[in-house]
């Protein structure tokens, strides 16, 4: 009985932690329209959203002593350069300075307050406008949320299906004043810079790995002995395996794809 109670307790805390992580991550990604929508949100919705996030954060801090990791699988300083360990060996993880972490946390939580407040207002108004097109977006959001909660899909890549509905609801609450437009333009330029520089970094990283592999091949190293990282190894050793196209029952043994055998 005690084991069952402890298991349920751990599951509940994990659920609360990952729910907070999802809200924080979505708040960070969508902070520009969330901030722009603050002026059109009701005081009751903002107060309720702030209280809910404060309670969630307080519970997690009391239980674990820290908030969930804000930078997840897709949005992280190390994700795009992950394969560099194959070139330069192990590297120390990069960390934001303390002031940067505080600023990022503030932006994330404030964006999450805006998201929760928009949903609060939308759910409150839903019975009076159940025939509006927004009902489809709202139901899609609720179903998608239930799915990733039930299937425990808490990596930030799984939150992508939630973005269209959230963006639509945020845009519906916008009033295009000079202040709102300035905030929105700053957010677009910032995320645009992140996207462009990140893509350039990703391309250069893959190009370097490909050049290193070509050099090894010229030295006589067999292709099946070279680990070029998840994406490129999957392409060269799985999708285009020497034994032919993969099929059920005859898949090649490829690190990170079908097995964990380290390659020399």
Protein backbone atom coordinates (compact mmCIF):
# COMPACT_ATOMS: atom_id res chain seq x y z
CA UNK A 1 0.00 0.00 0.00
CA UNK A 2 2.83 2.38 0.91
CA UNK A 3 4.57 1.61 -2.38
CA UNK A 4 1.40 2.46 -4.27
CA UNK A 5 1.04 5.74 -2.36
CA UNK A 6 4.68 6.68 -3.04
CA UNK A 7 4.30 5.78 -6.72
CA UNK A 8 1.18 7.94 -7.03
CA UNK A 9 2.92 10.76 -5.18
CA UNK A 10 5.90 10.66 -7.55
CA UNK A 11 3.57 10.56 -10.56
CA UNK A 12 1.59 13.58 -9.34
CA UNK A 13 4.73 15.64 -8.73
CA UNK A 14 6.14 14.64 -12.10
CA UNK A 15 2.87 15.66 -13.74
CA UNK A 16 2.87 19.06 -12.00
CA UNK A 17 6.54 19.65 -12.86
CA UNK A 18 6.10 18.82 -16.53
CA UNK A 19 2.90 20.85 -16.79
CA UNK A 20 4.81 23.85 -15.45
CA UNK A 21 7.67 23.11 -17.86
CA UNK A 22 5.25 23.09 -20.81
CA UNK A 23 3.74 26.43 -19.77
CA UNK A 24 7.18 27.98 -19.20
CA UNK A 25 8.52 26.81 -22.53
CA UNK A 26 5.46 27.95 -24.48
CA UNK A 27 5.59 31.26 -22.62
CA UNK A 28 9.21 31.75 -23.66
CA UNK A 29 8.52 30.95 -27.30
CA UNK A 30 5.36 33.09 -27.52
CA UNK A 31 6.33 35.96 -25.25
CA UNK A 32 6.01 38.69 -27.96
CA UNK A 33 2.29 38.16 -28.73
CA UNK A 34 1.63 37.32 -25.05
CA UNK A 35 3.06 40.67 -23.94
CA UNK A 36 1.19 42.44 -26.73
CA UNK A 37 -2.09 40.91 -25.50
CA UNK A 38 -1.71 42.07 -21.87
CA UNK A 39 -3.58 45.32 -22.47
CA UNK A 40 -6.68 43.51 -23.76
CA UNK A 41 -6.89 40.83 -21.07
CA UNK A 42 -9.24 41.15 -18.13
CA UNK A 43 -7.84 41.81 -14.68
CA UNK A 44 -9.58 38.68 -13.40
CA UNK A 45 -7.90 36.51 -16.06
CA UNK A 46 -4.44 37.97 -15.39
CA UNK A 47 -4.86 37.58 -11.62
CA UNK A 48 -6.08 33.99 -11.99
CA UNK A 49 -3.23 33.08 -14.35
CA UNK A 50 -0.62 34.69 -12.09
CA UNK A 51 -2.00 32.87 -9.06
CA UNK A 52 -2.05 29.52 -10.85
CA UNK A 53 1.55 29.83 -12.04
CA UNK A 54 2.69 31.08 -8.63
CA UNK A 55 1.10 28.06 -6.94
CA UNK A 56 2.61 25.63 -9.46
CA UNK A 57 6.06 27.21 -9.14
CA UNK A 58 5.85 27.26 -5.34
CA UNK A 59 4.89 23.59 -5.19
CA UNK A 60 7.78 22.55 -7.40
CA UNK A 61 10.26 24.75 -5.52
CA UNK A 62 9.15 23.29 -2.19
CA UNK A 63 9.34 19.73 -3.51
CA UNK A 64 12.49 19.86 -5.66
CA UNK A 65 14.24 23.09 -4.75
CA UNK A 66 14.35 24.35 -8.35
CA UNK A 67 12.13 25.05 -11.30
CA UNK A 68 12.11 22.81 -14.41
CA UNK A 69 14.89 23.24 -16.97
CA UNK A 70 13.67 26.05 -19.17
CA UNK A 71 15.78 25.29 -22.23
CA UNK A 72 14.59 21.94 -23.50
CA UNK A 73 15.58 19.50 -26.23
CA UNK A 74 14.99 21.79 -29.21
CA UNK A 75 15.62 25.21 -27.68
CA UNK A 76 19.00 24.94 -26.01
CA UNK A 77 22.46 26.42 -26.35
CA UNK A 78 23.97 22.99 -26.99
CA UNK A 79 21.43 21.32 -29.30
CA UNK A 80 22.69 22.61 -32.63
CA UNK A 81 26.32 21.90 -31.79
CA UNK A 82 25.57 18.53 -30.22
CA UNK A 83 27.67 16.55 -32.72
CA UNK A 84 30.77 18.64 -32.05
CA UNK A 85 31.84 16.13 -29.41
CA UNK A 86 32.53 13.82 -32.36
CA UNK A 87 35.05 16.35 -33.68
CA UNK A 88 36.61 18.04 -30.67
CA UNK A 89 35.91 15.58 -27.86
CA UNK A 90 33.84 16.30 -24.77
CA UNK A 91 33.02 19.93 -24.19
CA UNK A 92 31.91 21.69 -21.03
CA UNK A 93 28.20 22.61 -21.22
CA UNK A 94 27.58 26.27 -21.91
CA UNK A 95 25.63 28.19 -19.30
CA UNK A 96 23.94 31.55 -19.36
CA UNK A 97 25.26 34.07 -16.80
CA UNK A 98 23.12 34.47 -13.69
CA UNK A 99 21.50 37.71 -14.87
CA UNK A 100 20.65 36.08 -18.18
CA UNK A 101 18.98 33.14 -16.45
CA UNK A 102 16.90 35.48 -14.29
CA UNK A 103 15.85 37.55 -17.33
CA UNK A 104 14.98 34.43 -19.31
CA UNK A 105 12.92 33.09 -16.41
CA UNK A 106 11.06 36.38 -16.07
CA UNK A 107 10.25 36.49 -19.79
CA UNK A 108 9.13 32.87 -19.72
CA UNK A 109 6.83 33.17 -16.70
CA UNK A 110 5.32 36.45 -17.87
CA UNK A 111 4.65 34.93 -21.29
CA UNK A 112 3.07 31.91 -19.60
CA UNK A 113 0.80 34.23 -17.59
CA UNK A 114 -0.38 35.78 -20.85
CA UNK A 115 -1.08 32.36 -22.38
CA UNK A 116 -3.03 31.09 -19.38
CA UNK A 117 -4.98 34.34 -19.14
CA UNK A 118 -5.97 34.15 -22.83
CA UNK A 119 -7.16 30.58 -22.38
CA UNK A 120 -8.98 31.58 -19.20
CA UNK A 121 -10.87 34.30 -21.07
CA UNK A 122 -11.55 32.01 -24.01
CA UNK A 123 -12.93 29.20 -21.84
CA UNK A 124 -15.09 31.66 -19.90
CA UNK A 125 -16.59 33.02 -23.12
CA UNK A 126 -16.89 29.67 -24.87
CA UNK A 127 -20.53 28.85 -23.81
CA UNK A 128 -21.65 32.14 -25.42
CA UNK A 129 -19.79 31.55 -28.70
CA UNK A 130 -19.70 27.80 -29.12
CA UNK A 131 -20.62 28.11 -32.81
CA UNK A 132 -17.67 30.37 -33.64
CA UNK A 133 -14.66 29.07 -35.62
CA UNK A 134 -12.50 29.54 -32.53
CA UNK A 135 -14.28 26.55 -30.97
CA UNK A 136 -12.38 24.22 -33.30
CA UNK A 137 -9.05 25.71 -32.22
CA UNK A 138 -10.02 25.54 -28.56
CA UNK A 139 -11.09 21.88 -28.79
CA UNK A 140 -7.91 21.07 -30.72
CA UNK A 141 -5.82 22.66 -27.98
CA UNK A 142 -7.63 20.74 -25.25
CA UNK A 143 -7.38 17.39 -27.07
CA UNK A 144 -3.71 17.89 -27.94
CA UNK A 145 -2.97 18.84 -24.33
CA UNK A 146 -4.75 15.75 -23.03
CA UNK A 147 -2.82 13.57 -25.49
CA UNK A 148 0.64 14.76 -24.51
CA UNK A 149 -0.32 14.61 -20.84
CA UNK A 150 -1.63 11.03 -21.20
CA UNK A 151 1.28 9.86 -23.36
CA UNK A 152 3.83 11.75 -21.25
CA UNK A 153 5.20 13.66 -24.25
CA UNK A 154 6.94 16.46 -22.43
CA UNK A 155 9.92 17.27 -24.67
CA UNK A 156 9.49 20.73 -26.15
CA UNK A 157 9.23 19.35 -29.71
CA UNK A 158 5.86 17.83 -28.80
CA UNK A 159 4.39 21.25 -27.97
CA UNK A 160 4.48 22.31 -31.63
CA UNK A 161 0.84 21.25 -32.33
CA UNK A 162 -0.27 23.67 -29.61
CA UNK A 163 1.33 26.71 -31.24
CA UNK A 164 -1.22 27.47 -34.04
CA UNK A 165 -4.18 27.63 -31.66
CA UNK A 166 -2.31 29.64 -29.03
CA UNK A 167 -1.01 32.11 -31.61
CA UNK A 168 -4.51 32.55 -33.06
CA UNK A 169 -6.03 33.28 -29.63
CA UNK A 170 -3.22 35.70 -28.77
CA UNK A 171 -3.64 37.55 -32.07
CA UNK A 172 -7.39 37.81 -31.43
CA UNK A 173 -6.60 39.72 -28.22
CA UNK A 174 -4.18 42.18 -29.80
CA UNK A 175 -4.72 45.88 -30.13
CA UNK A 176 -2.11 47.29 -32.47
CA UNK A 177 -0.88 50.31 -30.54
CA UNK A 178 2.61 51.76 -30.95
CA UNK A 179 3.80 50.06 -27.76
CA UNK A 180 2.37 46.70 -28.79
CA UNK A 181 3.87 46.96 -32.26
CA UNK A 182 7.28 47.85 -30.80
CA UNK A 183 7.19 44.82 -28.50
CA UNK A 184 6.04 42.56 -31.30
CA UNK A 185 8.68 43.79 -33.74
CA UNK A 186 11.42 43.36 -31.12
CA UNK A 187 10.27 39.79 -30.49
CA UNK A 188 10.11 38.94 -34.19
CA UNK A 189 13.61 40.35 -34.80
CA UNK A 190 15.02 38.51 -31.77
CA UNK A 191 13.57 35.12 -32.69
CA UNK A 192 14.48 35.74 -36.32
CA UNK A 193 18.11 36.25 -35.29
CA UNK A 194 18.01 33.06 -33.22
CA UNK A 195 16.51 31.09 -36.11
CA UNK A 196 18.92 32.38 -38.78
CA UNK A 197 22.12 32.07 -36.73
CA UNK A 198 21.02 28.68 -35.40
CA UNK A 199 20.37 27.38 -38.91
CA UNK A 200 23.78 28.63 -40.09
CA UNK A 201 25.43 26.93 -37.10
CA UNK A 202 23.56 23.70 -37.79
CA UNK A 203 24.58 23.71 -41.47
CA UNK A 204 28.25 24.39 -40.69
CA UNK A 205 28.24 21.68 -38.03
CA UNK A 206 26.87 19.07 -40.45
CA UNK A 207 29.26 20.17 -43.18
CA UNK A 208 32.24 19.70 -40.85
CA UNK A 209 31.06 16.22 -39.84
CA UNK A 210 30.63 15.27 -43.52
CA UNK A 211 34.13 16.50 -44.33
CA UNK A 212 35.55 14.51 -41.42
CA UNK A 213 33.75 11.38 -42.61
CA UNK A 214 35.02 11.83 -46.16
CA UNK A 215 38.58 12.17 -44.83
CA UNK A 216 38.21 8.95 -42.83
CA UNK A 217 36.87 7.13 -45.89
CA UNK A 218 39.89 8.25 -47.90
CA UNK A 219 42.12 6.80 -45.16
CA UNK A 220 40.50 3.42 -45.66
CA UNK A 221 38.15 3.40 -42.67
CA UNK A 222 34.99 1.40 -43.39
CA UNK A 223 31.80 3.44 -43.55
CA UNK A 224 30.07 1.12 -41.06
CA UNK A 225 32.73 2.02 -38.46
CA UNK A 226 32.08 5.77 -38.53
CA UNK A 227 29.57 7.43 -36.18
CA UNK A 228 28.60 10.79 -37.69
CA UNK A 229 25.84 11.62 -35.25
CA UNK A 230 22.16 10.73 -35.13
CA UNK A 231 20.94 12.33 -38.37
CA UNK A 232 23.86 11.57 -40.70
CA UNK A 233 24.55 8.10 -39.30
CA UNK A 234 20.86 7.30 -39.70
CA UNK A 235 20.99 8.46 -43.32
CA UNK A 236 24.20 6.67 -44.30
CA UNK A 237 24.05 3.49 -42.23
CA UNK A 238 20.30 2.94 -41.81
CA UNK A 239 18.37 4.50 -44.69
CA UNK A 240 21.14 3.51 -47.13
CA UNK A 241 22.55 0.44 -45.39
CA UNK A 242 24.96 -1.83 -47.27
CA UNK A 243 22.54 -4.71 -46.72
CA UNK A 244 19.79 -2.84 -48.55
CA UNK A 245 16.68 -0.91 -47.46
CA UNK A 246 15.67 -1.64 -43.84
CA UNK A 247 12.72 -3.96 -43.37
CA UNK A 248 11.04 -5.62 -40.42
CA UNK A 249 13.30 -8.36 -39.09
CA UNK A 250 16.37 -7.27 -41.07
CA UNK A 251 17.29 -3.87 -39.70
CA UNK A 252 21.00 -2.99 -39.47
CA UNK A 253 22.59 -2.39 -36.07
CA UNK A 254 23.02 1.40 -36.09
CA UNK A 255 23.88 3.48 -32.98
CA UNK A 256 21.03 5.67 -31.72
CA UNK A 257 18.72 4.20 -34.38
CA UNK A 258 18.32 0.48 -33.71
CA UNK A 259 21.02 -0.18 -31.10
CA UNK A 260 23.65 1.29 -28.79
CA UNK A 261 26.84 -0.35 -30.11
CA UNK A 262 29.61 2.27 -30.06
CA UNK A 263 31.51 2.69 -33.30
CA UNK A 264 35.28 3.14 -33.32
